[in-house]
Protein backbone atom coordinates (compact mmCIF):
# COMPACT_ATOMS: atom_id res chain seq x y z
CA MET A 1 100.32 114.44 116.14
CA SER A 2 98.73 111.73 114.03
CA GLN A 3 95.06 111.09 114.75
CA ASN A 4 95.78 107.37 114.47
CA PHE A 5 98.24 107.44 117.38
CA GLN A 6 96.66 109.97 119.71
CA ASN A 7 96.10 107.45 122.51
CA TYR A 8 99.71 106.32 122.21
CA PHE A 9 101.14 109.83 122.43
CA HIS A 10 98.88 110.64 125.37
CA ALA A 11 100.11 107.48 127.13
CA VAL A 12 103.75 108.39 126.50
CA LYS A 13 103.20 111.93 127.76
CA TYR A 14 101.50 110.62 130.91
CA LEU A 15 104.32 108.19 131.73
CA GLU A 16 107.01 110.79 131.13
CA SER A 17 105.17 113.32 133.31
CA LEU A 18 105.32 111.07 136.38
CA SER A 19 108.93 112.06 136.95
CA THR A 20 107.76 115.54 137.91
CA ILE A 21 105.74 114.33 140.92
CA PRO A 22 107.55 115.50 144.10
CA LYS A 23 109.10 112.69 146.12
CA PRO A 24 108.75 112.67 149.92
CA GLU A 25 111.94 113.46 151.78
CA LEU A 26 111.66 110.12 153.54
CA MET A 27 112.11 108.30 150.23
CA ARG A 28 115.28 110.19 149.37
CA SER A 29 116.87 108.97 152.59
CA ARG A 30 116.12 105.31 151.89
CA GLY A 31 118.61 102.85 150.45
CA SER A 32 118.35 101.52 146.92
CA GLY A 33 116.67 98.35 148.18
CA PHE A 34 113.66 100.50 149.01
CA TYR A 35 113.10 101.11 145.31
CA LEU A 36 113.52 97.44 144.41
CA ASN A 37 110.80 96.59 146.92
CA ARG A 38 108.64 99.19 145.24
CA THR A 39 108.99 97.36 141.93
CA LYS A 40 107.95 94.11 143.61
CA LYS A 41 104.90 95.85 145.04
CA LEU A 42 103.95 97.18 141.61
CA ILE A 43 104.28 93.76 139.96
CA LYS A 44 102.21 92.15 142.72
CA LYS A 45 99.41 94.71 142.38
CA LEU A 46 99.29 94.05 138.64
CA ASN A 47 98.96 90.28 139.18
CA ILE A 48 101.92 89.49 136.97
CA ASN A 49 103.03 85.89 137.37
CA LEU A 50 106.80 85.94 136.90
CA SER A 51 107.06 82.15 137.04
CA GLN A 52 105.38 81.83 133.63
CA PHE A 53 108.46 83.18 131.84
CA LYS A 54 111.85 81.66 131.11
CA PHE A 55 114.08 84.64 131.88
CA ILE A 56 117.45 85.52 130.39
CA HIS A 57 118.96 88.47 132.26
CA VAL A 58 121.75 90.55 130.70
CA ALA A 59 123.84 93.23 132.40
CA GLY A 60 127.10 94.97 131.53
CA THR A 61 128.56 98.34 130.72
CA ALA A 62 128.51 97.96 126.93
CA GLY A 63 126.89 95.56 124.48
CA LYS A 64 123.99 94.34 126.61
CA GLY A 65 121.30 95.71 124.28
CA THR A 66 122.96 94.13 121.27
CA THR A 67 123.33 90.82 123.11
CA VAL A 68 119.64 90.88 124.07
CA ALA A 69 118.67 91.59 120.45
CA LEU A 70 120.85 88.75 119.17
CA VAL A 71 119.43 86.20 121.60
CA HIS A 72 115.91 87.40 120.80
CA GLN A 73 116.39 86.98 117.06
CA ILE A 74 117.99 83.53 117.44
CA LEU A 75 115.18 82.24 119.66
CA PHE A 76 112.59 83.70 117.29
CA LYS A 77 114.23 81.98 114.32
CA ALA A 78 114.16 78.74 116.30
CA GLY A 79 110.37 79.05 116.53
CA HIS A 80 109.95 80.24 120.11
CA LYS A 81 107.61 82.96 121.35
CA VAL A 82 110.06 85.50 122.72
CA GLY A 83 109.78 88.94 124.29
CA SER A 84 112.58 91.36 125.07
CA PHE A 85 112.93 94.57 127.05
CA TYR A 86 115.42 97.34 126.21
CA SER A 87 116.55 100.63 127.69
CA PRO A 88 116.61 103.33 126.51
CA HIS A 89 114.63 103.76 123.28
CA PRO A 90 116.25 105.61 120.37
CA THR A 91 113.27 107.33 118.71
CA THR A 92 109.93 106.30 120.21
CA SER A 93 108.80 104.49 123.35
CA ILE A 94 107.57 101.27 121.73
CA GLU A 95 111.19 100.43 120.85
CA ARG A 96 111.72 99.27 124.44
CA VAL A 97 109.34 96.32 124.12
CA ARG A 98 109.44 93.62 121.45
CA VAL A 99 107.68 90.29 120.89
CA ASN A 100 108.90 88.10 118.03
CA ALA A 101 109.33 90.30 114.93
CA LYS A 102 107.55 93.45 116.13
CA TYR A 103 107.63 96.15 118.76
CA ILE A 104 104.58 96.51 120.96
CA SER A 105 101.86 98.21 118.91
CA PRO A 106 100.92 101.82 119.76
CA ASN A 107 97.37 100.61 120.40
CA ASP A 108 98.49 97.95 122.90
CA PHE A 109 100.84 100.46 124.51
CA GLY A 110 97.91 102.82 125.12
CA LYS A 111 95.65 100.06 126.46
CA ILE A 112 98.25 98.73 128.91
CA THR A 113 99.07 102.24 130.14
CA LYS A 114 95.34 102.73 130.83
CA LYS A 115 95.45 99.53 132.90
CA LEU A 116 98.48 100.82 134.81
CA LYS A 117 97.01 104.21 135.74
CA PRO A 118 94.77 103.16 138.67
CA VAL A 119 97.58 101.08 140.20
CA ILE A 120 100.02 103.97 139.89
CA GLN A 121 97.48 106.31 141.45
CA GLN A 122 96.77 103.89 144.31
CA MET A 123 100.48 103.58 145.06
CA TYR A 124 100.76 107.38 145.08
CA LEU A 125 97.93 107.67 147.58
CA ASP A 126 98.42 104.65 149.82
CA SER A 127 101.80 103.00 149.44
CA LYS A 128 104.77 103.85 151.64
CA TYR A 129 106.84 103.39 148.49
CA GLY A 130 105.14 106.21 146.60
CA VAL A 131 104.92 106.48 142.81
CA PRO A 132 107.07 103.94 140.91
CA SER A 133 109.79 105.35 138.67
CA TYR A 134 109.48 105.67 134.90
CA PHE A 135 111.79 102.68 134.40
CA GLU A 136 109.88 100.55 136.92
CA ILE A 137 106.56 101.34 135.23
CA PHE A 138 107.96 100.63 131.78
CA PHE A 139 109.31 97.30 133.01
CA ALA A 140 105.85 96.45 134.37
CA LEU A 141 104.25 97.50 131.09
CA ALA A 142 106.60 95.16 129.22
CA LEU A 143 105.81 92.23 131.51
CA LEU A 144 102.08 92.80 131.09
CA TYR A 145 102.54 92.72 127.32
CA PHE A 146 104.67 89.57 127.44
CA GLN A 147 101.99 87.99 129.61
CA GLN A 148 99.28 89.07 127.16
CA LYS A 149 101.22 87.64 124.21
CA LYS A 150 102.08 84.44 126.10
CA SER A 151 105.81 84.79 125.56
CA LYS A 152 107.80 81.71 126.54
CA TYR A 153 111.20 83.36 126.79
CA VAL A 154 111.75 86.89 128.14
CA ILE A 155 115.12 88.57 127.72
CA LEU A 156 115.82 91.54 129.97
CA GLU A 157 118.38 94.28 129.54
CA THR A 158 119.18 95.90 132.87
CA GLY A 159 118.82 99.65 133.17
CA CYS A 160 121.95 101.03 134.83
CA GLY A 161 123.08 98.17 136.99
CA GLY A 162 122.39 94.86 138.67
CA GLU A 163 121.71 94.59 142.38
CA PHE A 164 119.09 97.32 142.69
CA ASP A 165 117.93 97.45 139.10
CA ALA A 166 114.15 97.02 138.74
CA THR A 167 114.69 93.99 136.48
CA ASN A 168 116.47 92.22 139.35
CA ILE A 169 113.21 91.32 141.05
CA ILE A 170 113.20 88.07 139.04
CA LYS A 171 114.25 85.17 141.26
CA LYS A 172 114.70 82.25 138.88
CA PRO A 173 116.31 83.23 135.58
CA LEU A 174 117.48 80.40 133.35
CA ILE A 175 120.60 82.32 132.40
CA THR A 176 122.31 85.47 133.62
CA ALA A 177 125.04 87.16 131.63
CA ILE A 178 127.39 90.10 132.03
CA THR A 179 128.97 91.51 128.88
CA ASN A 180 131.79 93.49 130.49
CA ILE A 181 132.61 95.94 133.26
CA ASN A 182 133.64 99.55 132.83
CA TYR A 183 132.93 102.99 134.23
CA ASP A 184 129.37 104.30 133.90
CA HIS A 185 126.65 105.32 136.37
CA THR A 186 129.36 105.41 139.03
CA HIS A 187 127.16 107.48 141.37
CA ILE A 188 124.92 104.41 141.66
CA LEU A 189 127.14 101.42 140.90
CA GLY A 190 130.38 102.45 142.60
CA LYS A 191 133.50 104.44 141.86
CA THR A 192 135.82 101.50 141.11
CA LEU A 193 135.62 98.63 138.64
CA LYS A 194 135.52 96.12 141.49
CA LYS A 195 132.57 97.87 143.11
CA ILE A 196 130.78 98.05 139.77
CA ALA A 197 131.45 94.34 139.18
CA ARG A 198 130.09 93.43 142.63
CA THR A 199 126.91 95.43 142.02
CA LYS A 200 126.34 93.89 138.59
CA SER A 201 127.17 90.39 139.84
CA LYS A 202 124.02 90.44 141.98
CA ILE A 203 121.93 89.43 138.97
CA ILE A 204 123.49 85.95 139.42
CA LYS A 205 120.85 83.70 140.97
CA PRO A 206 120.76 80.16 142.42
CA ASN A 207 120.09 77.32 139.97
CA SER A 208 120.89 79.49 136.97
CA ILE A 209 123.70 79.47 134.40
CA PHE A 210 126.12 82.38 134.29
CA LEU A 211 128.18 83.59 131.34
CA THR A 212 130.45 86.56 130.74
CA THR A 213 132.93 87.88 128.18
CA GLU A 214 134.74 89.98 130.79
CA GLN A 215 138.42 89.01 130.86
CA ARG A 216 140.16 90.77 133.76
CA PRO A 217 141.12 88.25 136.48
CA GLU A 218 140.32 90.53 139.42
CA LEU A 219 136.77 91.01 138.11
CA LEU A 220 136.30 87.36 137.19
CA GLU A 221 137.22 86.48 140.75
CA ILE A 222 134.26 88.56 141.94
CA PHE A 223 131.95 86.70 139.57
CA GLN A 224 133.46 83.37 140.64
CA ASN A 225 132.83 84.15 144.32
CA GLU A 226 129.25 85.15 143.61
CA CYS A 227 128.66 81.95 141.62
CA GLU A 228 130.00 79.86 144.50
CA HIS A 229 127.94 81.80 147.02
CA ARG A 230 124.77 81.29 144.97
CA LYS A 231 125.61 77.64 144.26
CA ILE A 232 124.57 78.06 140.65
CA LYS A 233 124.42 75.15 138.20
CA LYS A 234 127.40 76.13 136.07
CA HIS A 235 129.22 79.16 134.79
CA PHE A 236 131.38 80.02 131.84
CA PHE A 237 134.04 82.65 131.49
CA LEU A 238 134.27 82.85 127.72
CA PRO A 239 137.84 82.88 126.38
CA PRO A 240 139.32 85.93 124.66
CA ILE A 241 138.48 86.27 120.99
CA SER A 242 139.82 88.49 118.28
CA ASP A 243 137.63 91.52 117.75
CA GLY A 244 138.18 91.08 114.02
CA GLN A 245 135.79 92.67 111.61
CA ALA A 246 132.34 93.61 112.82
CA LEU A 247 129.60 91.71 111.03
CA PRO A 248 127.09 93.70 108.96
CA CYS A 249 123.48 92.66 109.49
CA LYS A 250 120.64 93.76 107.28
CA LYS A 251 116.94 94.14 107.94
CA PRO A 252 114.85 94.30 104.75
CA PRO A 253 113.25 96.41 103.41
CA ILE A 254 115.16 99.26 105.08
CA PRO A 255 118.52 99.54 103.26
CA ASN A 256 120.67 99.98 106.33
CA SER A 257 122.89 97.83 108.51
CA SER A 258 124.37 97.63 111.97
CA SER A 259 127.72 96.31 113.12
CA ILE A 260 128.02 93.78 115.90
CA ASN A 261 131.01 93.42 118.18
CA PRO A 262 132.23 89.79 117.93
CA ARG A 263 132.29 89.54 121.74
CA ASN A 264 128.53 90.12 121.78
CA ILE A 265 128.10 87.43 119.14
CA SER A 266 130.22 85.08 121.24
CA LEU A 267 128.09 85.71 124.33
CA ALA A 268 124.75 85.40 122.53
CA THR A 269 125.92 82.19 120.84
CA ALA A 270 126.96 80.69 124.19
CA ILE A 271 123.62 81.63 125.77
CA CYS A 272 121.65 80.00 122.96
CA ARG A 273 123.78 76.86 123.01
CA GLU A 274 122.94 76.49 126.69
CA LEU A 275 119.29 76.63 125.61
CA ASN A 276 119.98 73.80 123.14
CA ILE A 277 119.29 75.97 120.09
CA ALA A 278 120.55 74.41 116.86
CA GLN A 279 123.52 76.10 115.18
CA LYS A 280 121.54 76.84 112.00
CA TYR A 281 119.16 79.05 113.98
CA ILE A 282 122.06 80.75 115.71
CA ASN A 283 123.56 81.54 112.31
CA GLN A 284 120.24 82.80 110.96
CA GLY A 285 119.62 84.98 114.00
CA ILE A 286 123.06 86.57 113.85
CA LYS A 287 122.77 87.20 110.12
CA GLN A 288 119.33 88.81 110.36
CA ASN A 289 119.73 90.66 113.65
CA PHE A 290 119.09 94.38 113.70
CA LEU A 291 119.00 97.03 116.42
CA SER A 292 118.74 100.71 115.56
CA CYS A 293 121.39 103.22 116.62
CA ARG A 294 123.99 100.57 117.45
CA PHE A 295 126.57 101.58 114.86
CA GLU A 296 123.74 101.64 112.35
CA ILE A 297 124.79 102.49 108.80
CA ILE A 298 121.66 104.19 107.54
CA GLN A 299 123.03 105.81 104.39
CA THR A 300 125.92 105.56 101.96
CA LYS A 301 127.55 108.23 99.77
CA PRO A 302 128.24 109.74 102.18
CA ILE A 303 128.14 107.01 104.81
CA VAL A 304 126.03 108.01 107.82
CA VAL A 305 126.44 106.06 111.05
CA LEU A 306 123.96 106.38 113.92
CA ASP A 307 125.41 105.25 117.23
CA GLY A 308 124.18 105.58 120.81
CA ALA A 309 127.61 105.19 122.45
CA HIS A 310 127.44 107.30 125.61
CA ASN A 311 130.38 106.27 127.77
CA PRO A 312 134.12 105.76 127.20
CA ALA A 313 133.84 101.97 126.87
CA LYS A 314 131.17 102.23 124.19
CA ILE A 315 132.83 105.06 122.28
CA LYS A 316 136.03 102.97 122.20
CA VAL A 317 134.11 100.19 120.40
CA THR A 318 132.67 102.79 118.03
CA ALA A 319 136.17 104.02 117.21
CA GLU A 320 137.27 100.43 116.57
CA ASN A 321 134.30 99.88 114.25
CA LEU A 322 135.26 102.98 112.26
CA SER A 323 138.62 101.39 111.48
CA GLN A 324 136.75 98.67 109.53
CA ILE A 325 135.23 101.19 107.11
CA ASN A 326 136.92 102.91 104.19
CA TYR A 327 136.19 106.64 104.15
CA ASN A 328 137.99 109.93 103.59
CA ARG A 329 136.94 112.49 106.21
CA LEU A 330 134.97 111.95 109.42
CA PHE A 331 132.28 114.51 110.22
CA LEU A 332 131.39 114.06 113.89
CA ILE A 333 128.04 115.20 115.33
CA LEU A 334 128.26 114.83 119.10
CA ALA A 335 126.00 115.36 122.11
CA ILE A 336 126.78 114.01 125.57
CA ASN A 337 124.61 113.85 128.68
CA GLN A 338 125.71 115.95 131.62
CA ASN A 339 126.32 112.94 133.88
CA LYS A 340 128.78 111.28 131.47
CA ASN A 341 132.57 111.41 131.34
CA TYR A 342 132.78 113.76 128.38
CA GLU A 343 136.53 114.34 128.75
CA LYS A 344 137.37 110.66 128.15
CA ILE A 345 134.77 110.30 125.39
CA ILE A 346 136.26 113.26 123.53
CA LYS A 347 139.82 112.04 124.07
CA ILE A 348 138.93 108.73 122.39
CA ILE A 349 136.99 110.05 119.40
CA ALA A 350 138.74 113.39 118.70
CA PRO A 351 141.75 111.91 116.83
CA LYS A 352 139.38 110.29 114.32
CA ALA A 353 137.51 113.47 113.38
CA SER A 354 138.13 115.92 110.56
CA ASN A 355 135.14 118.14 111.32
CA VAL A 356 133.23 118.39 114.61
CA TYR A 357 129.72 119.68 115.24
CA LEU A 358 128.91 119.94 118.93
CA THR A 359 125.22 119.95 119.77
CA ARG A 360 122.50 118.86 122.19
CA HIS A 361 119.74 116.31 122.02
CA LEU A 362 116.17 117.51 122.53
CA ASN A 363 115.15 115.53 125.63
CA PRO A 364 114.35 118.18 128.27
CA ASP A 365 114.71 115.71 131.16
CA ARG A 366 118.33 114.83 130.38
CA PRO A 367 120.56 117.93 130.28
CA CYS A 368 123.63 117.81 128.07
CA VAL A 369 127.20 118.84 128.81
CA ASP A 370 127.78 122.56 128.29
CA LEU A 371 128.83 122.89 124.65
CA LYS A 372 131.51 125.44 125.53
CA LEU A 373 133.12 122.92 127.88
CA MET A 374 133.08 120.33 125.10
CA TYR A 375 134.58 122.87 122.70
CA ASN A 376 137.49 123.55 125.04
CA GLN A 377 138.05 119.83 125.59
CA PHE A 378 138.30 119.26 121.83
CA LEU A 379 140.96 121.94 121.59
CA VAL A 380 142.97 119.99 124.16
CA ALA A 381 142.38 116.61 122.50
CA ASN A 382 143.04 117.67 118.90
CA LYS A 383 144.49 121.13 118.28
CA LYS A 384 143.88 120.83 114.54
CA LEU A 385 140.12 120.82 115.05
CA LYS A 386 137.90 123.88 115.19
CA PRO A 387 134.55 122.57 116.38
CA LEU A 388 131.31 124.31 115.49
CA ILE A 389 128.50 124.66 118.02
CA PHE A 390 124.82 124.15 117.19
CA LEU A 391 122.07 124.43 119.77
CA ASP A 392 119.78 122.73 117.25
CA PRO A 393 121.00 119.21 116.28
CA TRP A 394 119.06 119.38 113.02
CA GLN A 395 121.18 122.35 111.95
CA ALA A 396 124.29 120.29 112.68
CA LEU A 397 122.98 117.43 110.54
CA ASN A 398 122.07 119.70 107.64
CA MET A 399 125.50 121.34 107.76
CA ALA A 400 127.22 117.95 107.71
CA LEU A 401 125.12 116.66 104.83
CA ASN A 402 125.86 119.80 102.84
CA LYS A 403 129.62 119.73 103.48
CA THR A 404 130.38 116.05 102.95
CA LYS A 405 131.40 114.36 99.73
CA PRO A 406 130.35 110.83 98.70
CA ASN A 407 133.47 109.18 100.18
CA ASP A 408 133.14 110.91 103.59
CA LEU A 409 131.50 109.58 106.76
CA ILE A 410 129.11 111.28 109.18
CA LEU A 411 129.08 109.80 112.70
CA ILE A 412 126.18 110.82 114.97
CA THR A 413 126.98 109.65 118.48
CA GLY A 414 127.31 110.37 122.20
CA SER A 415 123.67 109.74 123.10
CA PHE A 416 120.76 107.52 122.08
CA TYR A 417 118.59 110.61 122.36
CA LEU A 418 120.66 112.37 119.70
CA SER A 419 120.98 109.45 117.29
CA GLY A 420 117.32 108.48 117.77
CA GLU A 421 116.17 112.05 117.15
CA LEU A 422 118.21 112.54 113.96
CA ARG A 423 117.34 109.04 112.72
CA GLN A 424 114.00 110.56 111.82
CA TYR A 425 115.66 112.27 108.85
CA TRP A 426 115.59 108.81 107.25
CA ILE A 427 112.91 106.91 109.22
CA ASN A 428 110.42 109.04 111.13
CA GLU A 429 108.49 108.15 114.24
CA GLN A 430 105.23 107.69 112.33
CA THR A 431 106.85 105.02 110.16
CA ILE A 432 108.13 103.09 113.18
CA LEU A 433 104.69 103.23 114.82
CA SER A 434 102.89 102.19 111.63
CA GLU A 435 105.17 99.18 111.15
CA ALA A 436 104.34 97.99 114.69
CA GLU A 437 100.57 97.96 114.09
């Protein structure tokens, strides 16, 4: 632990530890709206004035983080003070909160956490809602920072949904957007695409503008009905576009790049046009956008791609992006959280792989799929493969780096926790924290 960042690491440890506080049985029996009211209570106790921000709210199964990052960069290039909130973080906690060109500094993170502690304690002791969740607290921390930095625009990425997501406490967003609808977090959002679409559609608010790149008529009808019910200003269902070639975007001085799905570019462009942003700033923002672990090419010879794809919809995009790269053999390093559809993920990515290293990430709060189950699933999906199992992801990475040749490709995917952990081989946590100071 660096002496320079002790307060930061203590703050992170404190926030992560709150998940271990026992929850009253009464709370477990409450509906999801109970937890949304808890977020409102937290924001009120912190005296955060939501009306000071011009909100852009982005939901969807895949691509929402990239869309948020694109809009952020475009608005920043246009000269606006802009803050954005992401979930989850790949390597270190400050990556969830950004203002203009930098993440929140470790020092500010520690100071704001100190300000949060008495409110959290008071809610534990006195409030019928109990202790706010980790996500709710992080959202509040971000808003406090945006307030401190006097951000004009605030762009929010939802956590796992729409209707009961903590970010949905905002009442008057300028723009709401949904990237697409697919299966993920079905235990919360619903078991069918229509149920998931209805849940996510609840971010649509009166007097706002709504945009989506979803194309299926039965889902668009749900959005249309919600727009009519909310009597919103106007809405756009963006027309189909060719996926084409993903656009590489560089962030000096780090010699790496990330690929952006053209549908995310289309959505971000439409959002910024509604904000009357000039095309030259849109072009600049797209060209200079960067978000780690979103098909991030962090090395060449061999090519190493870091990707946080953790559901079938996202891994499908990852597989499509691979088709745009020239390489010989694909070395796949894969970890998948226990609550994900690992069978479908493996079915999609297995045909691409030449060598497979099954492993875990190192986050103790998010158990991974049993590696033996994943092994058996790979045998079903691609009988030519003989996966290797590593309980330590760093051993898997070292094996891959030793076995590959310059024209091969290593793909590290299945979880942000895995890609963010192994990203430290090239860019460690201390570097990220130092650059934010």
